[in-house]
Structure formats: C-alpha cells, structure tokens
N, C-alpha and C. Protein backbone atom coordinates (compact mmCIF):
# COMPACT_ATOMS: atom_id res chain seq x y z
N MET A 1 28.04 -10.57 4.54
CA MET A 1 26.71 -9.80 3.91
C MET A 1 26.92 -8.37 3.94
N ALA A 2 26.92 -7.41 3.22
CA ALA A 2 27.00 -5.93 3.55
C ALA A 2 25.42 -5.47 3.36
N GLU A 3 25.41 -4.36 4.11
CA GLU A 3 23.91 -4.08 3.80
C GLU A 3 24.33 -2.23 3.10
N ALA A 4 22.79 -1.84 3.05
CA ALA A 4 22.48 -0.58 2.70
C ALA A 4 21.32 -0.30 2.96
N LEU A 5 21.39 1.24 3.73
CA LEU A 5 19.78 1.67 3.45
C LEU A 5 19.39 2.67 2.39
N ILE A 6 18.21 2.41 1.97
CA ILE A 6 18.14 3.34 0.77
C ILE A 6 16.56 4.07 1.92
N ILE A 7 16.87 4.98 1.22
CA ILE A 7 15.84 6.49 1.39
C ILE A 7 15.02 6.71 0.55
N ILE A 8 14.41 6.19 0.09
CA ILE A 8 13.32 6.54 -0.70
C ILE A 8 12.05 7.76 -0.52
N ASP A 9 12.97 8.86 -1.64
CA ASP A 9 11.54 10.22 -1.97
C ASP A 9 11.45 10.92 -0.42
N TYR A 10 12.25 10.77 0.53
CA TYR A 10 11.98 12.02 1.82
C TYR A 10 11.60 12.96 1.50
N THR A 11 10.96 13.86 0.46
CA THR A 11 11.24 14.93 0.36
C THR A 11 9.85 15.68 0.74
N ASN A 12 9.78 17.44 0.56
CA ASN A 12 9.13 18.39 1.22
C ASN A 12 7.95 18.32 0.46
N ASP A 13 7.64 17.97 -0.85
CA ASP A 13 6.73 17.83 -1.99
C ASP A 13 6.10 16.32 -0.86
N PHE A 14 6.65 15.49 -1.13
CA PHE A 14 5.91 13.82 -0.34
C PHE A 14 5.95 13.80 1.41
N VAL A 15 6.15 14.60 1.81
CA VAL A 15 6.02 14.62 3.46
C VAL A 15 5.74 15.76 4.13
N ALA A 16 5.86 17.40 3.46
CA ALA A 16 5.44 18.61 4.70
C ALA A 16 3.83 18.66 4.70
N PRO A 17 3.12 19.58 5.41
CA PRO A 17 1.91 19.92 5.00
C PRO A 17 1.68 20.56 3.85
N ASP A 18 2.29 21.08 3.50
CA ASP A 18 2.05 22.05 2.39
C ASP A 18 2.80 21.18 1.14
N GLY A 19 3.30 20.02 0.88
CA GLY A 19 3.92 19.55 -0.22
C GLY A 19 2.91 19.33 -1.42
N ALA A 20 3.24 19.29 -2.54
CA ALA A 20 2.62 19.09 -3.47
C ALA A 20 1.32 17.92 -3.62
N LEU A 21 2.17 17.03 -3.26
CA LEU A 21 1.40 14.98 -3.46
C LEU A 21 2.25 14.75 -1.84
N THR A 22 1.41 15.49 -1.03
CA THR A 22 1.99 14.80 0.30
C THR A 22 1.65 13.47 0.93
N ALA A 23 1.97 12.45 1.75
CA ALA A 23 1.45 11.42 2.47
C ALA A 23 1.14 12.04 3.94
N GLY A 24 1.64 13.40 4.35
CA GLY A 24 0.92 14.00 5.71
C GLY A 24 1.51 13.58 6.69
N GLU A 25 0.41 13.34 7.67
CA GLU A 25 1.00 12.92 9.01
C GLU A 25 1.62 11.82 9.19
N PRO A 26 1.06 10.57 8.16
CA PRO A 26 2.28 9.16 8.59
C PRO A 26 3.25 9.58 8.22
N ALA A 27 3.79 10.34 7.06
CA ALA A 27 4.83 10.40 6.37
C ALA A 27 5.83 11.59 7.53
N GLN A 28 5.30 12.32 8.09
CA GLN A 28 5.72 13.05 9.01
C GLN A 28 6.39 12.60 10.38
N ALA A 29 5.49 11.58 10.53
CA ALA A 29 5.55 11.00 12.07
C ALA A 29 6.48 9.55 11.86
N ILE A 30 7.11 9.63 10.64
CA ILE A 30 8.34 8.42 10.42
C ILE A 30 9.96 9.21 10.55
N GLU A 31 9.84 10.64 10.32
CA GLU A 31 10.96 11.27 10.55
C GLU A 31 12.63 10.98 11.29
N ASN A 32 11.79 10.83 12.88
CA ASN A 32 13.00 10.20 13.67
C ASN A 32 13.57 9.16 13.58
N ALA A 33 12.68 7.82 12.63
CA ALA A 33 12.81 6.71 12.68
C ALA A 33 14.34 6.66 11.32
N ILE A 34 13.37 7.74 10.55
CA ILE A 34 14.60 7.65 9.27
C ILE A 34 15.92 7.89 9.31
N VAL A 35 16.04 9.29 10.10
CA VAL A 35 17.09 10.36 10.91
C VAL A 35 17.72 8.87 11.52
N GLN A 36 17.45 8.25 12.08
CA GLN A 36 18.13 7.09 13.12
C GLN A 36 18.82 5.89 12.48
N LEU A 37 17.83 5.57 12.03
CA LEU A 37 18.21 4.65 10.69
C LEU A 37 19.85 5.15 10.01
N ALA A 38 19.40 6.66 9.24
CA ALA A 38 20.60 6.59 8.55
C ALA A 38 21.70 7.10 9.00
N GLU A 39 21.51 7.59 10.41
CA GLU A 39 23.07 7.76 11.56
C GLU A 39 23.73 6.28 11.92
N THR A 40 22.73 5.35 12.07
CA THR A 40 23.05 4.31 12.46
C THR A 40 23.83 3.17 11.55
N PHE A 41 23.41 3.50 10.17
CA PHE A 41 24.23 2.98 8.92
C PHE A 41 24.92 3.72 8.57
N TYR A 42 25.30 4.73 8.68
CA TYR A 42 26.44 5.57 8.58
C TYR A 42 27.91 5.67 9.72
N GLN A 43 27.00 5.48 10.92
CA GLN A 43 28.18 5.01 11.73
C GLN A 43 28.84 3.64 11.52
N ARG A 44 28.11 2.89 10.92
CA ARG A 44 28.46 1.61 10.96
C ARG A 44 29.39 1.48 9.59
N GLY A 45 29.24 2.59 8.99
CA GLY A 45 30.25 2.63 7.70
C GLY A 45 29.15 2.04 6.53
N ASP A 46 28.14 1.62 6.87
CA ASP A 46 27.30 0.91 5.87
C ASP A 46 26.74 2.11 4.80
N PHE A 47 26.41 1.79 3.59
CA PHE A 47 25.80 2.42 2.97
C PHE A 47 24.83 2.95 2.87
N VAL A 48 24.32 4.56 2.81
CA VAL A 48 23.14 5.34 2.90
C VAL A 48 22.65 5.57 1.31
N PHE A 49 21.91 5.29 0.65
CA PHE A 49 21.47 5.78 -0.65
C PHE A 49 20.20 6.95 -0.28
N LEU A 50 20.18 7.85 -0.92
CA LEU A 50 18.70 8.52 -1.05
C LEU A 50 18.70 8.98 -2.79
N PRO A 51 17.69 7.61 -2.89
CA PRO A 51 17.47 7.75 -4.70
C PRO A 51 16.11 9.08 -4.31
N THR A 52 15.87 10.32 -5.09
CA THR A 52 15.19 10.77 -4.93
C THR A 52 14.32 11.60 -6.38
N ASP A 53 13.00 11.34 -6.00
CA ASP A 53 12.44 11.95 -7.60
C ASP A 53 12.94 13.17 -7.87
N VAL A 54 12.80 13.53 -9.04
CA VAL A 54 13.00 14.51 -9.53
C VAL A 54 11.79 14.72 -11.32
N HIS A 55 11.43 15.97 -11.07
CA HIS A 55 10.63 16.03 -12.34
C HIS A 55 10.93 17.68 -12.99
N THR A 56 10.63 17.45 -14.34
CA THR A 56 10.57 19.38 -15.02
C THR A 56 8.58 19.46 -15.48
N PRO A 57 8.09 20.41 -14.72
CA PRO A 57 6.91 20.53 -15.03
C PRO A 57 7.02 20.14 -16.05
N GLY A 58 5.39 19.81 -16.61
CA GLY A 58 4.78 19.65 -18.21
C GLY A 58 5.24 18.74 -19.07
N ASP A 59 6.27 17.85 -18.75
CA ASP A 59 7.31 16.95 -19.11
C ASP A 59 6.15 16.28 -20.03
N PRO A 60 6.19 16.54 -21.62
CA PRO A 60 5.16 15.66 -22.18
C PRO A 60 5.62 13.99 -22.56
N TYR A 61 6.78 13.30 -22.05
CA TYR A 61 6.93 12.42 -22.18
C TYR A 61 7.36 11.29 -20.84
N HIS A 62 6.63 12.43 -19.81
CA HIS A 62 6.56 11.33 -18.68
C HIS A 62 5.33 11.24 -18.44
N PRO A 63 5.70 9.91 -17.78
CA PRO A 63 3.89 9.18 -17.48
C PRO A 63 3.46 9.75 -16.44
N GLU A 64 3.87 10.20 -15.35
CA GLU A 64 3.18 10.76 -13.83
C GLU A 64 2.94 12.45 -14.70
N THR A 65 3.30 12.73 -15.29
CA THR A 65 2.78 14.28 -15.83
C THR A 65 1.06 14.22 -16.13
N LYS A 66 0.23 13.01 -16.34
CA LYS A 66 -0.70 12.79 -16.99
C LYS A 66 -1.48 12.12 -15.65
N LEU A 67 -0.77 11.68 -14.37
CA LEU A 67 -1.28 11.58 -13.20
C LEU A 67 -1.54 11.87 -12.00
N PHE A 68 -0.17 12.95 -11.73
CA PHE A 68 -0.16 13.70 -10.48
C PHE A 68 0.21 15.46 -10.87
N PRO A 69 -0.13 16.32 -9.84
CA PRO A 69 0.13 17.94 -10.58
C PRO A 69 1.91 17.72 -10.18
N PRO A 70 2.22 18.61 -10.43
CA PRO A 70 4.10 18.87 -10.39
C PRO A 70 4.18 18.76 -9.39
N HIS A 71 5.74 17.88 -8.94
CA HIS A 71 6.34 17.96 -8.02
C HIS A 71 7.74 17.64 -7.58
N ASN A 72 8.60 17.40 -6.74
CA ASN A 72 9.98 17.63 -6.58
C ASN A 72 10.37 18.09 -7.87
N VAL A 73 10.16 19.37 -8.33
CA VAL A 73 10.83 19.62 -9.11
C VAL A 73 12.08 20.06 -9.00
N ARG A 74 12.92 20.08 -9.93
CA ARG A 74 14.71 20.05 -9.73
C ARG A 74 14.95 21.69 -9.19
N GLY A 75 15.57 21.86 -8.45
CA GLY A 75 15.61 22.92 -7.33
C GLY A 75 14.88 23.85 -6.69
N SER A 76 13.74 23.18 -6.33
CA SER A 76 12.52 23.76 -5.52
C SER A 76 12.59 23.29 -4.22
N TRP A 77 11.92 24.20 -3.23
CA TRP A 77 11.51 23.81 -1.73
C TRP A 77 11.39 22.28 -1.94
N GLY A 78 9.94 21.96 -2.98
CA GLY A 78 9.31 20.59 -2.83
C GLY A 78 10.50 19.44 -2.94
N ARG A 79 11.37 19.68 -3.31
CA ARG A 79 12.24 18.62 -3.82
C ARG A 79 13.34 18.52 -2.43
N GLU A 80 13.18 19.21 -1.69
CA GLU A 80 14.58 19.30 -0.65
C GLU A 80 14.23 18.00 0.16
N LEU A 81 15.01 17.48 1.35
CA LEU A 81 14.73 16.75 1.91
C LEU A 81 13.99 17.04 3.11
N TYR A 82 12.92 16.40 3.69
CA TYR A 82 12.00 16.86 4.82
C TYR A 82 12.54 16.43 5.72
N GLY A 83 12.99 17.67 6.98
CA GLY A 83 12.69 17.97 8.27
C GLY A 83 14.19 18.08 8.48
N GLN A 84 14.50 16.89 9.34
CA GLN A 84 16.07 16.89 10.08
C GLN A 84 17.03 15.96 9.02
N LEU A 85 16.17 15.26 8.02
CA LEU A 85 16.89 14.77 7.27
C LEU A 85 17.63 15.40 6.31
N GLN A 86 17.13 16.96 5.82
CA GLN A 86 18.19 17.30 5.05
C GLN A 86 19.27 18.02 5.93
N PRO A 87 19.38 18.30 7.26
CA PRO A 87 20.69 18.80 7.69
C PRO A 87 21.66 17.68 7.95
N TRP A 88 20.54 16.37 7.99
CA TRP A 88 21.64 14.84 8.67
C TRP A 88 22.42 15.10 7.16
N TYR A 89 21.95 15.23 5.94
CA TYR A 89 22.32 14.76 5.08
C TYR A 89 23.26 16.25 4.82
N ALA A 90 23.55 17.21 4.83
CA ALA A 90 23.72 18.29 4.67
C ALA A 90 25.15 18.27 5.28
N ALA A 91 24.88 17.62 6.94
CA ALA A 91 26.43 17.30 7.24
C ALA A 91 27.23 16.32 6.95
N HIS A 92 26.36 15.25 6.09
CA HIS A 92 27.34 13.74 5.54
C HIS A 92 27.15 14.17 4.03
N GLN A 93 27.19 14.73 2.96
CA GLN A 93 26.59 14.63 1.76
C GLN A 93 28.36 14.53 1.05
N ASP A 94 29.59 15.18 1.52
CA ASP A 94 30.56 14.13 1.08
C ASP A 94 31.15 13.11 1.43
N ALA A 95 30.58 12.54 2.58
CA ALA A 95 31.18 10.83 2.92
C ALA A 95 30.85 10.30 1.47
N GLN A 96 31.86 9.09 1.27
CA GLN A 96 31.75 8.11 0.84
C GLN A 96 30.48 7.32 0.71
N ASN A 97 30.53 7.07 1.93
CA ASN A 97 29.22 5.73 2.25
C ASN A 97 27.54 6.38 2.13
N VAL A 98 27.26 7.90 2.12
CA VAL A 98 26.17 8.77 1.17
C VAL A 98 26.12 9.11 -0.04
N ILE A 99 25.18 8.52 -0.47
CA ILE A 99 24.97 8.52 -1.79
C ILE A 99 23.80 9.29 -2.30
N PHE A 100 23.03 10.44 -3.05
CA PHE A 100 22.05 10.66 -3.04
C PHE A 100 22.26 10.87 -4.62
N PHE A 101 20.89 10.27 -5.32
CA PHE A 101 20.77 10.08 -6.68
C PHE A 101 19.71 10.78 -7.05
N ASP A 102 19.24 11.12 -8.27
CA ASP A 102 18.05 11.12 -8.95
C ASP A 102 17.19 10.12 -9.67
N LYS A 103 16.02 10.19 -9.35
CA LYS A 103 15.29 8.61 -10.21
C LYS A 103 14.43 9.18 -10.68
N THR A 104 13.97 8.66 -11.81
CA THR A 104 12.39 9.62 -12.48
C THR A 104 11.05 8.91 -12.46
N ARG A 105 11.68 7.83 -12.26
CA ARG A 105 10.54 6.87 -11.87
C ARG A 105 9.81 6.19 -10.56
N TYR A 106 9.08 5.47 -10.48
CA TYR A 106 8.87 5.00 -9.23
C TYR A 106 10.16 4.06 -8.69
N SER A 107 10.56 3.43 -9.56
CA SER A 107 11.70 2.47 -8.49
C SER A 107 12.78 2.80 -8.55
N SER A 108 13.56 2.84 -7.61
CA SER A 108 15.12 3.47 -7.48
C SER A 108 15.95 2.89 -8.51
N PHE A 109 15.77 1.81 -8.72
CA PHE A 109 16.67 1.11 -10.06
C PHE A 109 16.31 1.01 -11.38
N ALA A 110 15.01 2.19 -11.74
CA ALA A 110 14.75 2.33 -13.21
C ALA A 110 15.25 3.44 -13.60
N GLY A 111 16.42 3.58 -14.56
CA GLY A 111 17.42 4.27 -15.23
C GLY A 111 18.17 4.98 -14.34
N THR A 112 18.56 4.49 -13.34
CA THR A 112 19.84 4.60 -12.37
C THR A 112 20.83 3.76 -12.31
N PRO A 113 21.39 4.38 -11.79
CA PRO A 113 23.04 3.34 -11.73
C PRO A 113 22.70 2.27 -10.01
N LEU A 114 21.77 2.38 -10.00
CA LEU A 114 21.90 1.82 -8.07
C LEU A 114 22.36 0.53 -8.43
N ASP A 115 21.75 -0.72 -8.93
CA ASP A 115 22.54 -1.71 -9.04
C ASP A 115 23.69 -2.32 -9.41
N ILE A 116 24.34 -1.10 -10.22
CA ILE A 116 25.84 -0.94 -10.34
C ILE A 116 26.71 -0.62 -9.28
N TRP A 117 25.96 0.08 -8.79
CA TRP A 117 27.16 0.69 -7.22
C TRP A 117 26.62 -0.47 -6.43
N LEU A 118 25.39 -1.08 -6.19
CA LEU A 118 25.45 -2.12 -5.19
C LEU A 118 26.36 -2.75 -5.33
N ARG A 119 26.17 -3.95 -6.49
CA ARG A 119 27.12 -4.57 -7.11
C ARG A 119 28.67 -4.30 -6.54
N GLU A 120 29.08 -3.10 -6.91
CA GLU A 120 30.64 -2.69 -7.05
C GLU A 120 31.17 -3.10 -5.68
N ARG A 121 29.74 -2.98 -4.83
CA ARG A 121 30.30 -2.59 -2.97
C ARG A 121 29.96 -4.15 -2.25
N ARG A 122 29.33 -4.61 -3.34
CA ARG A 122 29.12 -5.79 -2.59
C ARG A 122 28.27 -6.15 -1.78
N ILE A 123 27.20 -5.14 -1.95
CA ILE A 123 25.66 -4.88 -0.93
C ILE A 123 24.96 -5.92 -1.55
N THR A 124 24.55 -6.86 -0.53
CA THR A 124 23.59 -7.85 -1.01
C THR A 124 21.90 -8.09 0.03
N ASP A 125 21.96 -7.10 0.79
CA ASP A 125 21.01 -6.91 1.98
C ASP A 125 20.82 -5.45 1.99
N LEU A 126 19.22 -5.03 1.35
CA LEU A 126 18.93 -3.62 1.48
C LEU A 126 17.98 -3.62 2.23
N HIS A 127 17.74 -1.93 3.39
CA HIS A 127 17.00 -1.81 4.45
C HIS A 127 16.28 -0.79 3.25
N LEU A 128 15.46 -0.60 3.10
CA LEU A 128 13.92 -0.16 2.13
C LEU A 128 13.09 1.20 3.35
N VAL A 129 13.41 2.09 3.36
CA VAL A 129 12.31 3.36 4.40
C VAL A 129 12.05 4.25 3.06
N GLY A 130 11.01 5.16 3.36
CA GLY A 130 10.68 6.25 2.67
C GLY A 130 9.06 6.01 2.49
N VAL A 131 9.15 7.10 1.27
CA VAL A 131 7.34 7.07 0.68
C VAL A 131 7.58 7.13 -0.83
N ASP A 132 6.45 6.58 -1.09
CA ASP A 132 5.02 6.39 -0.10
C ASP A 132 5.39 4.57 -0.37
N THR A 133 4.50 3.96 0.44
CA THR A 133 5.01 2.45 0.68
C THR A 133 4.30 1.53 -0.55
N ASP A 134 3.20 1.84 -1.23
CA ASP A 134 3.09 1.25 -2.01
C ASP A 134 2.97 1.91 -3.78
N ILE A 135 3.63 2.86 -3.83
CA ILE A 135 4.22 3.26 -4.98
C ILE A 135 5.43 3.22 -5.17
N CYS A 136 6.85 3.89 -5.08
CA CYS A 136 8.07 4.04 -5.11
C CYS A 136 8.91 2.91 -3.71
N VAL A 137 8.31 3.16 -2.70
CA VAL A 137 8.97 1.50 -2.09
C VAL A 137 8.56 0.39 -2.63
N LEU A 138 7.37 0.42 -3.00
CA LEU A 138 7.35 -1.36 -3.33
C LEU A 138 7.46 -1.26 -4.53
N HIS A 139 7.92 -0.07 -5.65
CA HIS A 139 8.23 -0.79 -6.94
C HIS A 139 9.93 -0.71 -6.68
N THR A 140 10.49 -0.17 -5.79
CA THR A 140 12.11 -0.48 -5.80
C THR A 140 11.91 -1.69 -5.23
N ALA A 141 11.52 -2.66 -4.12
CA ALA A 141 11.29 -3.41 -3.55
C ALA A 141 11.00 -4.69 -4.89
N VAL A 142 10.07 -4.74 -5.66
CA VAL A 142 10.07 -4.90 -6.80
C VAL A 142 11.43 -5.58 -7.27
N ASP A 143 11.97 -4.59 -7.81
CA ASP A 143 12.61 -4.24 -8.64
C ASP A 143 14.13 -5.17 -7.84
N ALA A 144 14.41 -4.47 -6.80
CA ALA A 144 15.19 -5.33 -5.76
C ALA A 144 15.34 -7.17 -6.12
N TYR A 145 14.34 -7.22 -5.60
CA TYR A 145 13.72 -9.04 -5.92
C TYR A 145 14.25 -9.22 -6.80
N ASN A 146 13.59 -8.84 -7.84
CA ASN A 146 14.29 -9.88 -9.34
C ASN A 146 15.53 -9.23 -9.79
N LEU A 147 15.93 -8.43 -8.85
CA LEU A 147 17.60 -8.77 -8.69
C LEU A 147 18.48 -9.12 -7.78
N ASN A 148 17.73 -9.77 -7.03
CA ASN A 148 18.30 -10.62 -6.36
C ASN A 148 18.89 -10.20 -4.97
N TYR A 149 18.37 -9.10 -4.57
CA TYR A 149 18.75 -8.67 -3.19
C TYR A 149 17.88 -9.28 -2.24
N HIS A 150 18.36 -9.26 -0.81
CA HIS A 150 17.43 -9.14 0.22
C HIS A 150 16.88 -8.43 0.59
N LEU A 151 15.67 -8.32 1.49
CA LEU A 151 15.22 -6.74 1.51
C LEU A 151 14.55 -6.75 2.90
N THR A 152 14.65 -6.04 3.63
CA THR A 152 14.17 -5.70 4.70
C THR A 152 13.71 -4.09 4.72
N ILE A 153 12.19 -4.20 5.11
CA ILE A 153 11.24 -3.27 5.03
C ILE A 153 11.26 -2.66 6.60
N HIS A 154 11.45 -1.42 6.88
CA HIS A 154 11.30 -1.38 8.35
C HIS A 154 9.92 -0.69 8.37
N GLN A 155 8.65 -1.26 8.85
CA GLN A 155 7.72 -1.02 8.96
C GLN A 155 6.97 0.91 9.49
N ASP A 156 8.12 1.19 10.73
CA ASP A 156 8.12 2.45 11.35
C ASP A 156 8.57 2.90 10.81
N ALA A 157 9.10 3.10 9.02
CA ALA A 157 10.02 4.20 8.41
C ALA A 157 9.18 4.44 7.08
N VAL A 158 8.16 4.07 6.65
CA VAL A 158 7.59 3.59 5.39
C VAL A 158 6.06 4.12 5.85
N ALA A 159 5.97 4.77 5.09
CA ALA A 159 4.52 5.73 4.93
C ALA A 159 4.07 6.05 3.41
N THR A 160 2.09 6.22 3.61
CA THR A 160 1.74 6.74 2.17
C THR A 160 0.61 7.35 2.62
N PHE A 161 -0.15 8.02 1.70
CA PHE A 161 -1.28 8.38 1.87
C PHE A 161 -2.58 7.88 2.06
N ASN A 162 -2.12 6.30 1.13
CA ASN A 162 -3.43 5.30 1.07
C ASN A 162 -3.26 4.61 2.20
N PRO A 163 -4.01 4.16 3.43
CA PRO A 163 -3.76 3.17 4.10
C PRO A 163 -4.28 1.71 3.77
N ALA A 164 -4.71 1.80 2.62
CA ALA A 164 -4.91 0.24 2.17
C ALA A 164 -4.27 -0.48 1.20
N GLY A 165 -3.14 0.54 0.44
CA GLY A 165 -2.15 0.74 -0.19
C GLY A 165 -0.83 0.16 0.82
N ALA A 166 -0.80 0.66 2.08
CA ALA A 166 0.14 0.37 2.62
C ALA A 166 -0.20 -1.01 3.13
N GLU A 167 -1.29 -1.33 3.56
CA GLU A 167 -1.80 -2.83 4.22
C GLU A 167 -1.47 -4.01 2.68
N PHE A 168 -1.65 -3.46 1.75
CA PHE A 168 -1.22 -4.38 0.19
C PHE A 168 0.12 -4.13 0.58
N ALA A 169 0.90 -2.99 0.20
CA ALA A 169 2.39 -3.04 0.32
C ALA A 169 3.10 -4.15 1.14
N LEU A 170 2.69 -3.88 2.26
CA LEU A 170 3.20 -5.00 3.32
C LEU A 170 3.14 -6.21 3.06
N ALA A 171 2.24 -6.79 3.25
CA ALA A 171 1.45 -7.90 2.63
C ALA A 171 2.60 -8.64 1.67
N HIS A 172 2.23 -7.84 0.38
CA HIS A 172 3.02 -8.19 -0.57
C HIS A 172 4.66 -8.13 -0.42
N PHE A 173 5.16 -7.35 0.11
CA PHE A 173 6.76 -7.28 0.83
C PHE A 173 7.11 -8.56 1.30
N LYS A 174 6.40 -9.17 2.48
CA LYS A 174 6.45 -9.88 3.09
C LYS A 174 5.99 -11.51 2.43
N ASN A 175 4.71 -11.62 2.17
CA ASN A 175 4.47 -12.75 1.26
C ASN A 175 4.89 -13.27 0.07
N VAL A 176 4.92 -12.01 -0.89
CA VAL A 176 5.75 -12.15 -2.31
C VAL A 176 6.97 -11.89 -2.53
N LEU A 177 7.77 -10.88 -2.19
CA LEU A 177 8.95 -10.81 -2.06
C LEU A 177 10.10 -10.97 -1.18
N ASN A 178 9.19 -11.96 -0.35
CA ASN A 178 10.25 -12.58 0.79
C ASN A 178 11.13 -11.88 1.89
N ALA A 179 10.07 -10.67 2.28
CA ALA A 179 11.10 -9.72 2.60
C ALA A 179 11.10 -9.43 4.24
N THR A 180 12.02 -9.25 4.73
CA THR A 180 12.02 -9.24 6.43
C THR A 180 11.04 -8.11 6.50
N ILE A 181 10.21 -8.11 7.80
CA ILE A 181 9.25 -6.78 8.00
C ILE A 181 9.82 -6.73 9.69
N ILE A 182 10.50 -5.38 9.87
CA ILE A 182 10.87 -5.01 11.56
C ILE A 182 10.10 -3.67 11.32
C-alpha cells in the first residue's frame, strides 16, 4: 500500500484574508495541519502532490470565467501557496517526491497527468487536504474514487467558505465514496 498526500489549491487567493476568492478564517486555521502533514509524508519518503488552480483572466473558453472573479492568475501573488506552505515547498521543490503542478478544473485529475503519475509510483491510497472542501476537494475525491483509489480525508486540513457545503461534502466522502475521515 503506497500513499500520497494531495494538497489542493492552498493558495493566497483561496486562503488569505485579501484573496480574490477566499475561504477566509476556516482555511487559515488549517495551515499548520497541512504543513505538518506535508512534512510527515515527505520525511517518510511518500509523495506530496500540490495540484494548483491556474487561470487566465477573461478566458472565454473557461467555464469559471462566468462564475467567479479572476483568481489564481499565473505569476500572481494570489497563486502563490499560502503561509508556511510556501517556504515548505520552496525548501522541498527539488525533491523527487514533491510535485507541484497546474490544474485548470475543479478536479486535480481533469486534464492533468495525476492518474498516470500515481499509477507509475504504484500509489493506491490518497490523503486529501486543502480547499474548498465542497468544490475542488470533492471533485478530486469523486474522480479518485472512480479511478479506484482509496481515500482518506483529513477533516482538520480541509476548509471552505460554505459551512453547509462542507457538511455535505464530508458526508458524501464517507457515505458515497467510502472515504476514511480522520
């Protein structure tokens, strides 16, 4: 059983008080848990993947353009990893088991090589953390389930701006996707 940590969209735009699409205090409160998990997985030699939303403002072909204000624009402060995750990543970015990559949809699997990378490394168990619990974490979990990965959701390391959405997503992870909630 090989495991990987997937840190989803933990950026300034989604977490910082002045982020373009922030989940605010709930997302800021999970910073230490995320960084500690990243370090634990790294030290064990397990993989840490950081799928990170990226956009071009006003892209007429991207469905989020009509739904949300510009966010996570390539090269912007908003797309930088939030808080202590940024220096953690900077210190480990050259490690073979730390992989930062772009994603352009809610799911970390949609249009990315994530599934191929996981299978190449014989990873079967995914630990999901990040934001937003009911959007990108949920969509990533659904795709992971459909690809036959075992899921663990770290309840103290996911957050969203929508408390009702978080409640729904946690129940969905457990009752529909058979995820372990810790």
